[in-house]
Amino acid sequence: MAAVPPSSFKANSSSSAAVDPKLGLLKQIRSHEVAIAELGALSSSRGVYQKNGNLFFRTTIEKASASEQKQIDLAKARLGNLNSS
């Protein structure tokens, strides 16, 4: 069985997201949910880095989780707008 290069996976997922914006939003929501779960698995004293633009800033787990939850809420609102249109 031949190995499929990882770049082909990325091309397939991004092209399907470009065709169906709902699918792209669902993937974003899932990604943010996974990030929140990963942050929840860390000890409370641990520092984390959050990406803002092209830079990473050190922050707390609580602030990073709140930011991820805000991103989920925004994506769900956009998904709701797409569903109502």
C-alpha atoms as a PDB file:
ATOM      1  CA  MET A   1       0.000   0.000   0.000  1.00  0.00           C
ATOM      2  CA  ALA A   2       1.431   3.380  -1.007  1.00  0.00           C
ATOM      3  CA  ALA A   3       1.822   6.125   1.566  1.00  0.00           C
ATOM      4  CA  VAL A   4      -0.144   9.317   0.946  1.00  0.00           C
ATOM      5  CA  PRO A   5       1.855  12.497   1.562  1.00  0.00           C
ATOM      6  CA  PRO A   6       0.477  14.711   4.370  1.00  0.00           C
ATOM      7  CA  SER A   7       0.192  17.677   2.004  1.00  0.00           C
ATOM      8  CA  SER A   8      -2.594  15.899   0.102  1.00  0.00           C
ATOM      9  CA  PHE A   9      -4.647  15.632   3.305  1.00  0.00           C
ATOM     10  CA  LYS A  10      -4.374  19.361   3.875  1.00  0.00           C
ATOM     11  CA  ALA A  11      -5.336  20.151   0.291  1.00  0.00           C
ATOM     12  CA  ASN A  12      -8.419  17.933   0.479  1.00  0.00           C
ATOM     13  CA  SER A  13      -9.636  19.392   3.765  1.00  0.00           C
ATOM     14  CA  SER A  14      -9.077  23.012   2.752  1.00  0.00           C
ATOM     15  CA  SER A  15     -10.745  22.577  -0.639  1.00  0.00           C
ATOM     16  CA  SER A  16     -13.821  20.992   0.947  1.00  0.00           C
ATOM     17  CA  ALA A  17     -13.965  23.830   3.497  1.00  0.00           C
ATOM     18  CA  ALA A  18     -13.796  26.376   0.684  1.00  0.00           C
ATOM     19  CA  VAL A  19     -16.703  24.675  -1.083  1.00  0.00           C
ATOM     20  CA  ASP A  20     -18.838  24.321   2.063  1.00  0.00           C
ATOM     21  CA  PRO A  21     -18.355  27.150   4.594  1.00  0.00           C
ATOM     22  CA  LYS A  22     -20.495  25.249   7.120  1.00  0.00           C
ATOM     23  CA  LEU A  23     -18.003  22.396   7.095  1.00  0.00           C
ATOM     24  CA  GLY A  24     -15.154  24.849   7.677  1.00  0.00           C
ATOM     25  CA  LEU A  25     -16.959  26.382  10.650  1.00  0.00           C
ATOM     26  CA  LEU A  26     -17.709  22.959  12.097  1.00  0.00           C
ATOM     27  CA  LYS A  27     -14.016  22.074  11.830  1.00  0.00           C
ATOM     28  CA  GLN A  28     -13.072  25.338  13.554  1.00  0.00           C
ATOM     29  CA  ILE A  29     -15.530  24.651  16.364  1.00  0.00           C
ATOM     30  CA  ARG A  30     -14.169  21.125  16.811  1.00  0.00           C
ATOM     31  CA  SER A  31     -10.604  22.446  16.848  1.00  0.00           C
ATOM     32  CA  HIS A  32     -11.412  24.985  19.572  1.00  0.00           C
ATOM     33  CA  GLU A  33     -13.242  22.316  21.598  1.00  0.00           C
ATOM     34  CA  VAL A  34     -10.155  20.106  21.444  1.00  0.00           C
ATOM     35  CA  ALA A  35      -7.970  23.035  22.534  1.00  0.00           C
ATOM     36  CA  ILE A  36     -10.220  23.624  25.564  1.00  0.00           C
ATOM     37  CA  ALA A  37     -10.053  19.934  26.467  1.00  0.00           C
ATOM     38  CA  GLU A  38      -6.253  19.983  26.179  1.00  0.00           C
ATOM     39  CA  LEU A  39      -6.045  23.103  28.348  1.00  0.00           C
ATOM     40  CA  GLY A  40      -8.282  21.444  30.924  1.00  0.00           C
ATOM     41  CA  ALA A  41      -5.856  18.528  31.186  1.00  0.00           C
ATOM     42  CA  LEU A  42      -2.983  20.788  32.275  1.00  0.00           C
ATOM     43  CA  SER A  43      -2.161  21.627  35.877  1.00  0.00           C
ATOM     44  CA  SER A  44      -3.405  25.053  36.975  1.00  0.00           C
ATOM     45  CA  SER A  45       0.094  26.318  37.765  1.00  0.00           C
ATOM     46  CA  ARG A  46       1.372  25.704  34.253  1.00  0.00           C
ATOM     47  CA  GLY A  47       1.867  28.612  31.864  1.00  0.00           C
ATOM     48  CA  VAL A  48       0.710  28.356  28.271  1.00  0.00           C
ATOM     49  CA  TYR A  49       1.301  30.301  25.085  1.00  0.00           C
ATOM     50  CA  GLN A  50      -1.488  31.753  22.997  1.00  0.00           C
ATOM     51  CA  LYS A  51      -1.100  32.835  19.394  1.00  0.00           C
ATOM     52  CA  ASN A  52      -2.180  36.389  18.571  1.00  0.00           C
ATOM     53  CA  GLY A  53      -1.500  37.147  14.924  1.00  0.00           C
ATOM     54  CA  ASN A  54       1.948  35.788  14.140  1.00  0.00           C
ATOM     55  CA  LEU A  55       3.246  36.037  17.723  1.00  0.00           C
ATOM     56  CA  PHE A  56       2.865  33.823  20.773  1.00  0.00           C
ATOM     57  CA  PHE A  57       2.244  35.369  24.192  1.00  0.00           C
ATOM     58  CA  ARG A  58       2.504  33.681  27.562  1.00  0.00           C
ATOM     59  CA  THR A  59      -0.806  33.578  29.414  1.00  0.00           C
ATOM     60  CA  THR A  60      -2.731  31.576  31.986  1.00  0.00           C
ATOM     61  CA  ILE A  61      -4.825  28.517  31.277  1.00  0.00           C
ATOM     62  CA  GLU A  62      -7.968  30.370  32.345  1.00  0.00           C
ATOM     63  CA  LYS A  63      -7.388  33.238  29.909  1.00  0.00           C
ATOM     64  CA  ALA A  64      -6.533  30.866  27.066  1.00  0.00           C
ATOM     65  CA  SER A  65      -9.655  28.779  27.768  1.00  0.00           C
ATOM     66  CA  ALA A  66     -11.819  31.898  27.845  1.00  0.00           C
ATOM     67  CA  SER A  67     -10.363  33.010  24.518  1.00  0.00           C
ATOM     68  CA  GLU A  68     -11.008  29.587  22.960  1.00  0.00           C
ATOM     69  CA  GLN A  69     -14.586  29.628  24.282  1.00  0.00           C
ATOM     70  CA  LYS A  70     -15.084  33.073  22.752  1.00  0.00           C
ATOM     71  CA  GLN A  71     -13.853  31.729  19.410  1.00  0.00           C
ATOM     72  CA  ILE A  72     -16.339  28.846  19.674  1.00  0.00           C
ATOM     73  CA  ASP A  73     -19.169  31.273  20.382  1.00  0.00           C
ATOM     74  CA  LEU A  74     -18.231  33.427  17.385  1.00  0.00           C
ATOM     75  CA  ALA A  75     -18.018  30.413  15.071  1.00  0.00           C
ATOM     76  CA  LYS A  76     -21.380  29.109  16.310  1.00  0.00           C
ATOM     77  CA  ALA A  77     -22.940  32.531  15.681  1.00  0.00           C
ATOM     78  CA  ARG A  78     -21.566  32.551  12.122  1.00  0.00           C
ATOM     79  CA  LEU A  79     -22.840  28.995  11.632  1.00  0.00           C
ATOM     80  CA  GLY A  80     -26.256  30.089  12.870  1.00  0.00           C
ATOM     81  CA  ASN A  81     -26.220  32.972  10.387  1.00  0.00           C
ATOM     82  CA  LEU A  82     -25.392  30.559   7.554  1.00  0.00           C
ATOM     83  CA  ASN A  83     -28.169  28.193   8.601  1.00  0.00           C
ATOM     84  CA  SER A  84     -30.737  30.981   8.754  1.00  0.00           C
ATOM     85  CA  SER A  85     -29.794  32.320   5.313  1.00  0.00           C
END
